[in-house]
Amino acid sequence: MNQAEAILLGLRIWASIGAIIAAIFLTIGVDRIDEDAKGAYIFRVLLIPGVVVIWPLVLWRWYVYETNAEVLERRYAPPRKAHFAVGMILPIGIALIILTGLNIRQTWPADIEPVRLAAPSEVTQ
């Protein structure tokens, strides 16, 4: 099995698990989490691709809602303590990535002369 087949197999397994989770969540879970979703069946069809892709997050959030483990006070208060640090680290990191890319870029060998490309010759049939 080469890399492409392994990646494709992984994607198929991920999508299969996601399809199973989507079928269970969209038939049972949506009604338990969101009262407004009761009777909204066309809405559920629109959610299928998203649930298939991010099924681990869907399962985790479903578990949090079902067990009432969520602290509502923290839900509406975003973590702003890290904003200043991230605001300083992000531009520095971007500058370092650009400078590293410019420093390690490959140089063209000096002894190879460029070749002028010619237009393709006409094919007669």
PDB file of N, CA and C in Angstrom:
ATOM      1  N   MET A   1       0.849  -1.172   0.000  1.00  0.00           N
ATOM      2  CA  MET A   1       0.000   0.000   0.000  1.00  0.00           C
ATOM      3  C   MET A   1       0.898   1.238   0.000  1.00  0.00           C
ATOM      4  N   ASN A   2       0.664   2.105  -0.943  1.00  0.00           N
ATOM      5  CA  ASN A   2       1.458   3.330  -0.995  1.00  0.00           C
ATOM      6  C   ASN A   2       0.773   4.440  -0.192  1.00  0.00           C
ATOM      7  N   GLN A   3       1.409   5.605  -0.165  1.00  0.00           N
ATOM      8  CA  GLN A   3       0.888   6.705   0.649  1.00  0.00           C
ATOM      9  C   GLN A   3      -0.495   7.165   0.205  1.00  0.00           C
ATOM     10  N   ALA A   4      -0.699   7.260  -1.101  1.00  0.00           N
ATOM     11  CA  ALA A   4      -1.992   7.735  -1.603  1.00  0.00           C
ATOM     12  C   ALA A   4      -3.118   6.784  -1.202  1.00  0.00           C
ATOM     13  N   GLU A   5      -2.868   5.477  -1.292  1.00  0.00           N
ATOM     14  CA  GLU A   5      -3.891   4.516  -0.890  1.00  0.00           C
ATOM     15  C   GLU A   5      -4.156   4.582   0.607  1.00  0.00           C
ATOM     16  N   ALA A   6      -3.104   4.797   1.397  1.00  0.00           N
ATOM     17  CA  ALA A   6      -3.283   4.900   2.846  1.00  0.00           C
ATOM     18  C   ALA A   6      -4.090   6.142   3.206  1.00  0.00           C
ATOM     19  N   ILE A   7      -3.799   7.257   2.553  1.00  0.00           N
ATOM     20  CA  ILE A   7      -4.553   8.486   2.815  1.00  0.00           C
ATOM     21  C   ILE A   7      -6.008   8.310   2.405  1.00  0.00           C
ATOM     22  N   LEU A   8      -6.232   7.706   1.247  1.00  0.00           N
ATOM     23  CA  LEU A   8      -7.593   7.475   0.784  1.00  0.00           C
ATOM     24  C   LEU A   8      -8.349   6.539   1.723  1.00  0.00           C
ATOM     25  N   LEU A   9      -7.678   5.507   2.230  1.00  0.00           N
ATOM     26  CA  LEU A   9      -8.310   4.601   3.186  1.00  0.00           C
ATOM     27  C   LEU A   9      -8.665   5.341   4.472  1.00  0.00           C
ATOM     28  N   GLY A  10      -7.751   6.186   4.944  1.00  0.00           N
ATOM     29  CA  GLY A  10      -8.027   6.976   6.141  1.00  0.00           C
ATOM     30  C   GLY A  10      -9.223   7.897   5.952  1.00  0.00           C
ATOM     31  N   LEU A  11      -9.302   8.539   4.783  1.00  0.00           N
ATOM     32  CA  LEU A  11     -10.440   9.425   4.505  1.00  0.00           C
ATOM     33  C   LEU A  11     -11.749   8.646   4.418  1.00  0.00           C
ATOM     34  N   ARG A  12     -11.690   7.453   3.845  1.00  0.00           N
ATOM     35  CA  ARG A  12     -12.908   6.631   3.764  1.00  0.00           C
ATOM     36  C   ARG A  12     -13.375   6.195   5.143  1.00  0.00           C
ATOM     37  N   ILE A  13     -12.425   5.816   6.013  1.00  0.00           N
ATOM     38  CA  ILE A  13     -12.791   5.425   7.373  1.00  0.00           C
ATOM     39  C   ILE A  13     -13.372   6.622   8.124  1.00  0.00           C
ATOM     40  N   TRP A  14     -12.720   7.784   8.002  1.00  0.00           N
ATOM     41  CA  TRP A  14     -13.206   9.011   8.655  1.00  0.00           C
ATOM     42  C   TRP A  14     -14.623   9.346   8.184  1.00  0.00           C
ATOM     43  N   ALA A  15     -14.851   9.277   6.873  1.00  0.00           N
ATOM     44  CA  ALA A  15     -16.173   9.606   6.331  1.00  0.00           C
ATOM     45  C   ALA A  15     -17.215   8.567   6.731  1.00  0.00           C
ATOM     46  N   SER A  16     -16.825   7.306   6.822  1.00  0.00           N
ATOM     47  CA  SER A  16     -17.776   6.272   7.233  1.00  0.00           C
ATOM     48  C   SER A  16     -18.212   6.473   8.678  1.00  0.00           C
ATOM     49  N   ILE A  17     -17.244   6.726   9.554  1.00  0.00           N
ATOM     50  CA  ILE A  17     -17.586   6.992  10.949  1.00  0.00           C
ATOM     51  C   ILE A  17     -18.441   8.260  11.027  1.00  0.00           C
ATOM     52  N   GLY A  18     -18.070   9.279  10.258  1.00  0.00           N
ATOM     53  CA  GLY A  18     -18.835  10.525  10.248  1.00  0.00           C
ATOM     54  C   GLY A  18     -20.253  10.335   9.760  1.00  0.00           C
ATOM     55  N   ALA A  19     -20.444   9.478   8.765  1.00  0.00           N
ATOM     56  CA  ALA A  19     -21.795   9.225   8.257  1.00  0.00           C
ATOM     57  C   ALA A  19     -22.654   8.524   9.308  1.00  0.00           C
ATOM     58  N   ILE A  20     -22.049   7.592  10.037  1.00  0.00           N
ATOM     59  CA  ILE A  20     -22.792   6.900  11.098  1.00  0.00           C
ATOM     60  C   ILE A  20     -23.163   7.881  12.212  1.00  0.00           C
ATOM     61  N   ILE A  21     -22.192   8.703  12.613  1.00  0.00           N
ATOM     62  CA  ILE A  21     -22.447   9.696  13.654  1.00  0.00           C
ATOM     63  C   ILE A  21     -23.505  10.697  13.188  1.00  0.00           C
ATOM     64  N   ALA A  22     -23.420  11.120  11.922  1.00  0.00           N
ATOM     65  CA  ALA A  22     -24.402  12.074  11.384  1.00  0.00           C
ATOM     66  C   ALA A  22     -25.799  11.473  11.411  1.00  0.00           C
ATOM     67  N   ALA A  23     -25.922  10.206  11.032  1.00  0.00           N
ATOM     68  CA  ALA A  23     -27.241   9.574  11.035  1.00  0.00           C
ATOM     69  C   ALA A  23     -27.812   9.510  12.451  1.00  0.00           C
ATOM     70  N   ILE A  24     -26.984   9.141  13.421  1.00  0.00           N
ATOM     71  CA  ILE A  24     -27.461   9.050  14.801  1.00  0.00           C
ATOM     72  C   ILE A  24     -27.742  10.435  15.371  1.00  0.00           C
ATOM     73  N   PHE A  25     -26.807  11.362  15.177  1.00  0.00           N
ATOM     74  CA  PHE A  25     -26.955  12.697  15.767  1.00  0.00           C
ATOM     75  C   PHE A  25     -28.128  13.456  15.167  1.00  0.00           C
ATOM     76  N   LEU A  26     -28.295  13.373  13.863  1.00  0.00           N
ATOM     77  CA  LEU A  26     -29.349  14.163  13.224  1.00  0.00           C
ATOM     78  C   LEU A  26     -30.733  13.561  13.417  1.00  0.00           C
ATOM     79  N   THR A  27     -30.821  12.288  13.822  1.00  0.00           N
ATOM     80  CA  THR A  27     -32.139  11.721  14.120  1.00  0.00           C
ATOM     81  C   THR A  27     -32.481  11.817  15.606  1.00  0.00           C
ATOM     82  N   ILE A  28     -31.469  11.697  16.469  1.00  0.00           N
ATOM     83  CA  ILE A  28     -31.732  11.689  17.906  1.00  0.00           C
ATOM     84  C   ILE A  28     -31.207  12.947  18.594  1.00  0.00           C
ATOM     85  N   GLY A  29     -29.959  13.288  18.329  1.00  0.00           N
ATOM     86  CA  GLY A  29     -29.255  14.299  19.108  1.00  0.00           C
ATOM     87  C   GLY A  29     -29.697  15.726  18.915  1.00  0.00           C
ATOM     88  N   VAL A  30     -30.066  16.098  17.710  1.00  0.00           N
ATOM     89  CA  VAL A  30     -30.423  17.499  17.449  1.00  0.00           C
ATOM     90  C   VAL A  30     -31.649  17.892  18.255  1.00  0.00           C
ATOM     91  N   ASP A  31     -32.619  17.011  18.372  1.00  0.00           N
ATOM     92  CA  ASP A  31     -33.819  17.322  19.146  1.00  0.00           C
ATOM     93  C   ASP A  31     -33.505  17.504  20.623  1.00  0.00           C
ATOM     94  N   ARG A  32     -32.536  16.774  21.126  1.00  0.00           N
ATOM     95  CA  ARG A  32     -32.186  16.860  22.540  1.00  0.00           C
ATOM     96  C   ARG A  32     -31.364  18.103  22.851  1.00  0.00           C
ATOM     97  N   ILE A  33     -30.614  18.586  21.873  1.00  0.00           N
ATOM     98  CA  ILE A  33     -29.747  19.745  22.102  1.00  0.00           C
ATOM     99  C   ILE A  33     -30.475  21.056  21.818  1.00  0.00           C
ATOM    100  N   ASP A  34     -31.176  21.105  20.700  1.00  0.00           N
ATOM    101  CA  ASP A  34     -31.805  22.355  20.264  1.00  0.00           C
ATOM    102  C   ASP A  34     -33.311  22.160  20.150  1.00  0.00           C
ATOM    103  N   GLU A  35     -34.042  22.874  20.966  1.00  0.00           N
ATOM    104  CA  GLU A  35     -35.500  22.758  20.946  1.00  0.00           C
ATOM    105  C   GLU A  35     -36.091  23.263  19.635  1.00  0.00           C
ATOM    106  N   ASP A  36     -35.434  24.240  19.023  1.00  0.00           N
ATOM    107  CA  ASP A  36     -35.953  24.815  17.781  1.00  0.00           C
ATOM    108  C   ASP A  36     -35.778  23.897  16.589  1.00  0.00           C
ATOM    109  N   ALA A  37     -34.991  22.841  16.719  1.00  0.00           N
ATOM    110  CA  ALA A  37     -34.747  21.928  15.601  1.00  0.00           C
ATOM    111  C   ALA A  37     -35.843  20.867  15.471  1.00  0.00           C
ATOM    112  N   LYS A  38     -36.763  20.832  16.418  1.00  0.00           N
ATOM    113  CA  LYS A  38     -37.839  19.845  16.337  1.00  0.00           C
ATOM    114  C   LYS A  38     -38.731  20.163  15.147  1.00  0.00           C
ATOM    115  N   GLY A  39     -38.889  19.194  14.266  1.00  0.00           N
ATOM    116  CA  GLY A  39     -39.710  19.372  13.084  1.00  0.00           C
ATOM    117  C   GLY A  39     -38.992  20.017  11.909  1.00  0.00           C
ATOM    118  N   ALA A  40     -37.745  20.419  12.083  1.00  0.00           N
ATOM    119  CA  ALA A  40     -36.976  21.051  11.005  1.00  0.00           C
ATOM    120  C   ALA A  40     -36.142  19.978  10.311  1.00  0.00           C
ATOM    121  N   TYR A  41     -36.753  19.269   9.394  1.00  0.00           N
ATOM    122  CA  TYR A  41     -36.077  18.125   8.775  1.00  0.00           C
ATOM    123  C   TYR A  41     -35.201  18.529   7.590  1.00  0.00           C
ATOM    124  N   ILE A  42     -35.562  19.554   6.861  1.00  0.00           N
ATOM    125  CA  ILE A  42     -34.715  20.031   5.760  1.00  0.00           C
ATOM    126  C   ILE A  42     -33.427  20.617   6.309  1.00  0.00           C
ATOM    127  N   PHE A  43     -33.509  21.250   7.443  1.00  0.00           N
ATOM    128  CA  PHE A  43     -32.334  21.799   8.113  1.00  0.00           C
ATOM    129  C   PHE A  43     -31.312  20.704   8.425  1.00  0.00           C
ATOM    130  N   ARG A  44     -31.769  19.548   8.812  1.00  0.00           N
ATOM    131  CA  ARG A  44     -30.872  18.437   9.156  1.00  0.00           C
ATOM    132  C   ARG A  44     -30.107  17.935   7.941  1.00  0.00           C
ATOM    133  N   VAL A  45     -30.756  17.932   6.795  1.00  0.00           N
ATOM    134  CA  VAL A  45     -30.074  17.494   5.568  1.00  0.00           C
ATOM    135  C   VAL A  45     -28.911  18.429   5.259  1.00  0.00           C
ATOM    136  N   LEU A  46     -29.078  19.707   5.525  1.00  0.00           N
ATOM    137  CA  LEU A  46     -28.005  20.671   5.278  1.00  0.00           C
ATOM    138  C   LEU A  46     -26.821  20.477   6.219  1.00  0.00           C
ATOM    139  N   LEU A  47     -27.047  19.873   7.366  1.00  0.00           N
ATOM    140  CA  LEU A  47     -25.979  19.662   8.345  1.00  0.00           C
ATOM    141  C   LEU A  47     -25.139  18.416   8.081  1.00  0.00           C
ATOM    142  N   ILE A  48     -25.590  17.530   7.226  1.00  0.00           N
ATOM    143  CA  ILE A  48     -24.901  16.251   7.007  1.00  0.00           C
ATOM    144  C   ILE A  48     -23.431  16.433   6.622  1.00  0.00           C
ATOM    145  N   PRO A  49     -23.078  17.248   5.617  1.00  0.00           N
ATOM    146  CA  PRO A  49     -21.648  17.359   5.267  1.00  0.00           C
ATOM    147  C   PRO A  49     -20.782  17.876   6.408  1.00  0.00           C
ATOM    148  N   GLY A  50     -21.283  18.830   7.155  1.00  0.00           N
ATOM    149  CA  GLY A  50     -20.508  19.365   8.260  1.00  0.00           C
ATOM    150  C   GLY A  50     -20.298  18.357   9.372  1.00  0.00           C
ATOM    151  N   VAL A  51     -21.337  17.595   9.698  1.00  0.00           N
ATOM    152  CA  VAL A  51     -21.218  16.589  10.757  1.00  0.00           C
ATOM    153  C   VAL A  51     -20.276  15.475  10.321  1.00  0.00           C
ATOM    154  N   VAL A  52     -20.306  15.098   9.053  1.00  0.00           N
ATOM    155  CA  VAL A  52     -19.405  14.050   8.562  1.00  0.00           C
ATOM    156  C   VAL A  52     -17.953  14.483   8.709  1.00  0.00           C
ATOM    157  N   VAL A  53     -17.672  15.750   8.496  1.00  0.00           N
ATOM    158  CA  VAL A  53     -16.288  16.232   8.556  1.00  0.00           C
ATOM    159  C   VAL A  53     -15.815  16.426   9.992  1.00  0.00           C
ATOM    160  N   ILE A  54     -16.632  17.028  10.834  1.00  0.00           N
ATOM    161  CA  ILE A  54     -16.176  17.354  12.189  1.00  0.00           C
ATOM    162  C   ILE A  54     -16.883  16.503  13.244  1.00  0.00           C
ATOM    163  N   TRP A  55     -17.053  15.220  12.971  1.00  0.00           N
ATOM    164  CA  TRP A  55     -17.773  14.359  13.891  1.00  0.00           C
ATOM    165  C   TRP A  55     -17.156  14.248  15.278  1.00  0.00           C
ATOM    166  N   PRO A  56     -15.832  14.309  15.485  1.00  0.00           N
ATOM    167  CA  PRO A  56     -15.340  14.257  16.872  1.00  0.00           C
ATOM    168  C   PRO A  56     -15.815  15.461  17.700  1.00  0.00           C
ATOM    169  N   LEU A  57     -15.831  16.631  17.097  1.00  0.00           N
ATOM    170  CA  LEU A  57     -16.311  17.827  17.795  1.00  0.00           C
ATOM    171  C   LEU A  57     -17.805  17.714  18.092  1.00  0.00           C
ATOM    172  N   VAL A  58     -18.559  17.168  17.156  1.00  0.00           N
ATOM    173  CA  VAL A  58     -20.000  16.983  17.361  1.00  0.00           C
ATOM    174  C   VAL A  58     -20.247  16.039  18.528  1.00  0.00           C
ATOM    175  N   LEU A  59     -19.497  14.921  18.564  1.00  0.00           N
ATOM    176  CA  LEU A  59     -19.655  13.979  19.677  1.00  0.00           C
ATOM    177  C   LEU A  59     -19.286  14.624  21.006  1.00  0.00           C
ATOM    178  N   TRP A  60     -18.207  15.390  21.043  1.00  0.00           N
ATOM    179  CA  TRP A  60     -17.779  16.018  22.285  1.00  0.00           C
ATOM    180  C   TRP A  60     -18.813  17.023  22.774  1.00  0.00           C
ATOM    181  N   ARG A  61     -19.304  17.877  21.870  1.00  0.00           N
ATOM    182  CA  ARG A  61     -20.300  18.877  22.270  1.00  0.00           C
ATOM    183  C   ARG A  61     -21.612  18.203  22.698  1.00  0.00           C
ATOM    184  N   TRP A  62     -21.976  17.133  22.007  1.00  0.00           N
ATOM    185  CA  TRP A  62     -23.181  16.405  22.376  1.00  0.00           C
ATOM    186  C   TRP A  62     -23.026  15.835  23.787  1.00  0.00           C
ATOM    187  N   TYR A  63     -21.868  15.277  24.100  1.00  0.00           N
ATOM    188  CA  TYR A  63     -21.601  14.748  25.431  1.00  0.00           C
ATOM    189  C   TYR A  63     -21.669  15.855  26.478  1.00  0.00           C
ATOM    190  N   VAL A  64     -21.093  17.002  26.183  1.00  0.00           N
ATOM    191  CA  VAL A  64     -21.095  18.118  27.132  1.00  0.00           C
ATOM    192  C   VAL A  64     -22.526  18.577  27.407  1.00  0.00           C
ATOM    193  N   TYR A  65     -23.340  18.675  26.373  1.00  0.00           N
ATOM    194  CA  TYR A  65     -24.727  19.100  26.568  1.00  0.00           C
ATOM    195  C   TYR A  65     -25.544  18.060  27.339  1.00  0.00           C
ATOM    196  N   GLU A  66     -25.329  16.790  27.033  1.00  0.00           N
ATOM    197  CA  GLU A  66     -26.106  15.736  27.681  1.00  0.00           C
ATOM    198  C   GLU A  66     -25.757  15.588  29.152  1.00  0.00           C
ATOM    199  N   THR A  67     -24.500  15.791  29.526  1.00  0.00           N
ATOM    200  CA  THR A  67     -24.085  15.606  30.908  1.00  0.00           C
ATOM    201  C   THR A  67     -24.178  16.896  31.720  1.00  0.00           C
ATOM    202  N   ASN A  68     -24.581  17.985  31.104  1.00  0.00           N
ATOM    203  CA  ASN A  68     -24.646  19.292  31.753  1.00  0.00           C
ATOM    204  C   ASN A  68     -23.299  19.678  32.362  1.00  0.00           C
ATOM    205  N   ALA A  69     -22.220  19.313  31.697  1.00  0.00           N
ATOM    206  CA  ALA A  69     -20.874  19.624  32.184  1.00  0.00           C
ATOM    207  C   ALA A  69     -20.427  21.014  31.763  1.00  0.00           C
ATOM    208  N   GLU A  70     -21.234  21.685  30.972  1.00  0.00           N
ATOM    209  CA  GLU A  70     -20.854  23.006  30.487  1.00  0.00           C
ATOM    210  C   GLU A  70     -21.183  24.063  31.535  1.00  0.00           C
ATOM    211  N   VAL A  71     -20.229  24.941  31.763  1.00  0.00           N
ATOM    212  CA  VAL A  71     -20.431  26.062  32.677  1.00  0.00           C
ATOM    213  C   VAL A  71     -20.874  27.250  31.821  1.00  0.00           C
ATOM    214  N   LEU A  72     -22.119  27.659  31.986  1.00  0.00           N
ATOM    215  CA  LEU A  72     -22.680  28.688  31.116  1.00  0.00           C
ATOM    216  C   LEU A  72     -21.991  30.036  31.291  1.00  0.00           C
ATOM    217  N   GLU A  73     -21.467  30.310  32.483  1.00  0.00           N
ATOM    218  CA  GLU A  73     -20.780  31.581  32.690  1.00  0.00           C
ATOM    219  C   GLU A  73     -19.521  31.662  31.828  1.00  0.00           C
ATOM    220  N   ARG A  74     -18.818  30.544  31.707  1.00  0.00           N
ATOM    221  CA  ARG A  74     -17.599  30.530  30.887  1.00  0.00           C
ATOM    222  C   ARG A  74     -17.918  30.508  29.399  1.00  0.00           C
ATOM    223  N   ARG A  75     -19.081  30.024  29.038  1.00  0.00           N
ATOM    224  CA  ARG A  75     -19.416  29.912  27.619  1.00  0.00           C
ATOM    225  C   ARG A  75     -19.490  31.284  26.959  1.00  0.00           C
ATOM    226  N   TYR A  76     -20.009  32.264  27.670  1.00  0.00           N
ATOM    227  CA  TYR A  76     -20.198  33.579  27.082  1.00  0.00           C
ATOM    228  C   TYR A  76     -19.101  34.562  27.447  1.00  0.00           C
ATOM    229  N   ALA A  77     -18.083  34.112  28.142  1.00  0.00           N
ATOM    230  CA  ALA A  77     -16.933  34.950  28.477  1.00  0.00           C
ATOM    231  C   ALA A  77     -15.706  34.355  27.791  1.00  0.00           C
ATOM    232  N   PRO A  78     -15.349  34.846  26.608  1.00  0.00           N
ATOM    233  CA  PRO A  78     -14.219  34.252  25.888  1.00  0.00           C
ATOM    234  C   PRO A  78     -12.910  34.470  26.642  1.00  0.00           C
ATOM    235  N   PRO A  79     -11.951  33.596  26.445  1.00  0.00           N
ATOM    236  CA  PRO A  79     -10.669  33.713  27.150  1.00  0.00           C
ATOM    237  C   PRO A  79      -9.840  34.861  26.578  1.00  0.00           C
ATOM    238  N   ARG A  80      -9.924  36.011  27.181  1.00  0.00           N
ATOM    239  CA  ARG A  80      -9.245  37.192  26.652  1.00  0.00           C
ATOM    240  C   ARG A  80      -7.865  37.391  27.241  1.00  0.00           C
ATOM    241  N   LYS A  81      -7.465  36.574  28.189  1.00  0.00           N
ATOM    242  CA  LYS A  81      -6.149  36.719  28.785  1.00  0.00           C
ATOM    243  C   LYS A  81      -5.048  36.467  27.770  1.00  0.00           C
ATOM    244  N   ALA A  82      -5.294  35.579  26.837  1.00  0.00           N
ATOM    245  CA  ALA A  82      -4.266  35.194  25.881  1.00  0.00           C
ATOM    246  C   ALA A  82      -4.238  36.100  24.653  1.00  0.00           C
ATOM    247  N   HIS A  83      -5.181  36.992  24.501  1.00  0.00           N
ATOM    248  CA  HIS A  83      -5.241  37.806  23.288  1.00  0.00           C
ATOM    249  C   HIS A  83      -4.010  38.674  23.100  1.00  0.00           C
ATOM    250  N   PHE A  84      -3.509  39.286  24.159  1.00  0.00           N
ATOM    251  CA  PHE A  84      -2.337  40.142  24.032  1.00  0.00           C
ATOM    252  C   PHE A  84      -1.104  39.322  23.637  1.00  0.00           C
ATOM    253  N   ALA A  85      -0.926  38.172  24.298  1.00  0.00           N
ATOM    254  CA  ALA A  85       0.234  37.331  23.984  1.00  0.00           C
ATOM    255  C   ALA A  85       0.170  36.827  22.557  1.00  0.00           C
ATOM    256  N   VAL A  86      -0.991  36.380  22.130  1.00  0.00           N
ATOM    257  CA  VAL A  86      -1.135  35.898  20.759  1.00  0.00           C
ATOM    258  C   VAL A  86      -0.957  37.042  19.776  1.00  0.00           C
ATOM    259  N   GLY A  87      -1.444  38.210  20.122  1.00  0.00           N
ATOM    260  CA  GLY A  87      -1.287  39.384  19.259  1.00  0.00           C
ATOM    261  C   GLY A  87       0.164  39.789  19.084  1.00  0.00           C
ATOM    262  N   MET A  88       1.011  39.476  20.036  1.00  0.00           N
ATOM    263  CA  MET A  88       2.443  39.782  19.907  1.00  0.00           C
ATOM    264  C   MET A  88       3.213  38.632  19.250  1.00  0.00           C
ATOM    265  N   ILE A  89       2.838  37.400  19.567  1.00  0.00           N
ATOM    266  CA  ILE A  89       3.565  36.238  19.048  1.00  0.00           C
ATOM    267  C   ILE A  89       3.265  36.009  17.571  1.00  0.00           C
ATOM    268  N   LEU A  90       2.034  36.222  17.159  1.00  0.00           N
ATOM    269  CA  LEU A  90       1.653  35.943  15.778  1.00  0.00           C
ATOM    270  C   LEU A  90       2.429  36.767  14.750  1.00  0.00           C
ATOM    271  N   PRO A  91       2.538  38.084  14.870  1.00  0.00           N
ATOM    272  CA  PRO A  91       3.324  38.817  13.864  1.00  0.00           C
ATOM    273  C   PRO A  91       4.811  38.463  13.899  1.00  0.00           C
ATOM    274  N   ILE A  92       5.329  38.212  15.101  1.00  0.00           N
ATOM    275  CA  ILE A  92       6.736  37.811  15.195  1.00  0.00           C
ATOM    276  C   ILE A  92       6.943  36.462  14.526  1.00  0.00           C
ATOM    277  N   GLY A  93       6.028  35.534  14.748  1.00  0.00           N
ATOM    278  CA  GLY A  93       6.120  34.216  14.113  1.00  0.00           C
ATOM    279  C   GLY A  93       6.023  34.298  12.604  1.00  0.00           C
ATOM    280  N   ILE A  94       5.126  35.128  12.096  1.00  0.00           N
ATOM    281  CA  ILE A  94       4.996  35.289  10.648  1.00  0.00           C
ATOM    282  C   ILE A  94       6.273  35.877  10.060  1.00  0.00           C
ATOM    283  N   ALA A  95       6.839  36.878  10.730  1.00  0.00           N
ATOM    284  CA  ALA A  95       8.092  37.471  10.244  1.00  0.00           C
ATOM    285  C   ALA A  95       9.219  36.449  10.263  1.00  0.00           C
ATOM    286  N   LEU A  96       9.297  35.628  11.307  1.00  0.00           N
ATOM    287  CA  LEU A  96      10.336  34.595  11.370  1.00  0.00           C
ATOM    288  C   LEU A  96      10.163  33.549  10.274  1.00  0.00           C
ATOM    289  N   ILE A  97       8.943  33.182   9.974  1.00  0.00           N
ATOM    290  CA  ILE A  97       8.699  32.213   8.904  1.00  0.00           C
ATOM    291  C   ILE A  97       9.134  32.779   7.561  1.00  0.00           C
ATOM    292  N   ILE A  98       8.806  34.033   7.305  1.00  0.00           N
ATOM    293  CA  ILE A  98       9.199  34.660   6.036  1.00  0.00           C
ATOM    294  C   ILE A  98      10.714  34.776   5.946  1.00  0.00           C
ATOM    295  N   LEU A  99      11.356  35.232   7.003  1.00  0.00           N
ATOM    296  CA  LEU A  99      12.815  35.362   6.984  1.00  0.00           C
ATOM    297  C   LEU A  99      13.510  34.010   6.847  1.00  0.00           C
ATOM    298  N   THR A 100      12.995  32.998   7.503  1.00  0.00           N
ATOM    299  CA  THR A 100      13.571  31.652   7.365  1.00  0.00           C
ATOM    300  C   THR A 100      13.414  31.154   5.938  1.00  0.00           C
ATOM    301  N   GLY A 101      12.251  31.377   5.353  1.00  0.00           N
ATOM    302  CA  GLY A 101      12.041  30.960   3.966  1.00  0.00           C
ATOM    303  C   GLY A 101      12.966  31.673   3.001  1.00  0.00           C
ATOM    304  N   LEU A 102      13.217  32.938   3.237  1.00  0.00           N
ATOM    305  CA  LEU A 102      14.125  33.678   2.361  1.00  0.00           C
ATOM    306  C   LEU A 102      15.577  33.242   2.553  1.00  0.00           C
ATOM    307  N   ASN A 103      15.933  32.846   3.757  1.00  0.00           N
ATOM    308  CA  ASN A 103      17.312  32.449   4.018  1.00  0.00           C
ATOM    309  C   ASN A 103      17.643  31.045   3.544  1.00  0.00           C
ATOM    310  N   ILE A 104      16.667  30.143   3.544  1.00  0.00           N
ATOM    311  CA  ILE A 104      16.975  28.771   3.157  1.00  0.00           C
ATOM    312  C   ILE A 104      16.524  28.436   1.742  1.00  0.00           C
ATOM    313  N   ARG A 105      16.088  29.427   0.998  1.00  0.00           N
ATOM    314  CA  ARG A 105      15.650  29.145  -0.364  1.00  0.00           C
ATOM    315  C   ARG A 105      16.826  28.653  -1.202  1.00  0.00           C
ATOM    316  N   GLN A 106      16.515  27.862  -2.185  1.00  0.00           N
ATOM    317  CA  GLN A 106      17.563  27.291  -3.018  1.00  0.00           C
ATOM    318  C   GLN A 106      18.051  28.322  -4.033  1.00  0.00           C
ATOM    319  N   THR A 107      19.328  28.241  -4.337  1.00  0.00           N
ATOM    320  CA  THR A 107      19.890  29.106  -5.370  1.00  0.00           C
ATOM    321  C   THR A 107      20.156  28.271  -6.612  1.00  0.00           C
ATOM    322  N   TRP A 108      20.041  28.903  -7.751  1.00  0.00           N
ATOM    323  CA  TRP A 108      20.248  28.219  -9.021  1.00  0.00           C
ATOM    324  C   TRP A 108      21.749  28.060  -9.268  1.00  0.00           C
ATOM    325  N   PRO A 109      22.181  26.900  -9.753  1.00  0.00           N
ATOM    326  CA  PRO A 109      23.612  26.722 -10.037  1.00  0.00           C
ATOM    327  C   PRO A 109      24.086  27.733 -11.085  1.00  0.00           C
ATOM    328  N   ALA A 110      25.249  28.298 -10.848  1.00  0.00           N
ATOM    329  CA  ALA A 110      25.749  29.366 -11.710  1.00  0.00           C
ATOM    330  C   ALA A 110      26.285  28.857 -13.041  1.00  0.00           C
ATOM    331  N   ASP A 111      26.655  27.581 -13.141  1.00  0.00           N
ATOM    332  CA  ASP A 111      27.280  27.100 -14.364  1.00  0.00           C
ATOM    333  C   ASP A 111      26.276  26.595 -15.402  1.00  0.00           C
ATOM    334  N   ILE A 112      24.997  26.648 -15.125  1.00  0.00           N
ATOM    335  CA  ILE A 112      23.988  26.192 -16.082  1.00  0.00           C
ATOM    336  C   ILE A 112      23.448  27.405 -16.822  1.00  0.00           C
ATOM    337  N   GLU A 113      23.502  27.339 -18.127  1.00  0.00           N
ATOM    338  CA  GLU A 113      23.010  28.449 -18.931  1.00  0.00           C
ATOM    339  C   GLU A 113      21.516  28.277 -19.197  1.00  0.00           C
ATOM    340  N   PRO A 114      20.789  29.351 -19.252  1.00  0.00           N
ATOM    341  CA  PRO A 114      19.365  29.241 -19.564  1.00  0.00           C
ATOM    342  C   PRO A 114      19.152  28.836 -21.020  1.00  0.00           C
ATOM    343  N   VAL A 115      18.086  28.127 -21.257  1.00  0.00           N
ATOM    344  CA  VAL A 115      17.754  27.664 -22.600  1.00  0.00           C
ATOM    345  C   VAL A 115      16.517  28.417 -23.056  1.00  0.00           C
ATOM    346  N   ARG A 116      16.589  28.979 -24.257  1.00  0.00           N
ATOM    347  CA  ARG A 116      15.444  29.697 -24.799  1.00  0.00           C
ATOM    348  C   ARG A 116      14.464  28.674 -25.377  1.00  0.00           C
ATOM    349  N   LEU A 117      13.220  28.798 -24.981  1.00  0.00           N
ATOM    350  CA  LEU A 117      12.199  27.895 -25.465  1.00  0.00           C
ATOM    351  C   LEU A 117      11.660  28.396 -26.795  1.00  0.00           C
ATOM    352  N   ALA A 118      11.421  27.460 -27.699  1.00  0.00           N
ATOM    353  CA  ALA A 118      10.886  27.809 -29.007  1.00  0.00           C
ATOM    354  C   ALA A 118       9.421  27.368 -29.072  1.00  0.00           C
ATOM    355  N   ALA A 119       8.679  27.988 -29.954  1.00  0.00           N
ATOM    356  CA  ALA A 119       7.300  27.611 -30.155  1.00  0.00           C
ATOM    357  C   ALA A 119       7.245  26.208 -30.749  1.00  0.00           C
ATOM    358  N   PRO A 120       6.243  25.434 -30.397  1.00  0.00           N
ATOM    359  CA  PRO A 120       6.156  24.077 -30.943  1.00  0.00           C
ATOM    360  C   PRO A 120       5.948  24.106 -32.448  1.00  0.00           C
ATOM    361  N   SER A 121       6.553  23.146 -33.092  1.00  0.00           N
ATOM    362  CA  SER A 121       6.403  23.089 -34.556  1.00  0.00           C
ATOM    363  C   SER A 121       4.979  22.644 -34.901  1.00  0.00           C
ATOM    364  N   GLU A 122       4.525  23.103 -36.068  1.00  0.00           N
ATOM    365  CA  GLU A 122       3.163  22.775 -36.467  1.00  0.00           C
ATOM    366  C   GLU A 122       3.074  21.321 -36.890  1.00  0.00           C
ATOM    367  N   VAL A 123       1.981  20.713 -36.522  1.00  0.00           N
ATOM    368  CA  VAL A 123       1.742  19.305 -36.851  1.00  0.00           C
ATOM    369  C   VAL A 123       0.777  19.271 -38.022  1.00  0.00           C
ATOM    370  N   THR A 124       1.154  18.571 -39.094  1.00  0.00           N
ATOM    371  CA  THR A 124       0.254  18.436 -40.250  1.00  0.00           C
ATOM    372  C   THR A 124      -0.382  17.067 -40.225  1.00  0.00           C
ATOM    373  N   GLN A 125      -1.617  17.041 -40.571  1.00  0.00           N
ATOM    374  CA  GLN A 125      -2.326  15.750 -40.560  1.00  0.00           C
ATOM    375  C   GLN A 125      -2.883  15.449 -41.926  1.00  0.00           C
TER     376      GLN A 125
END
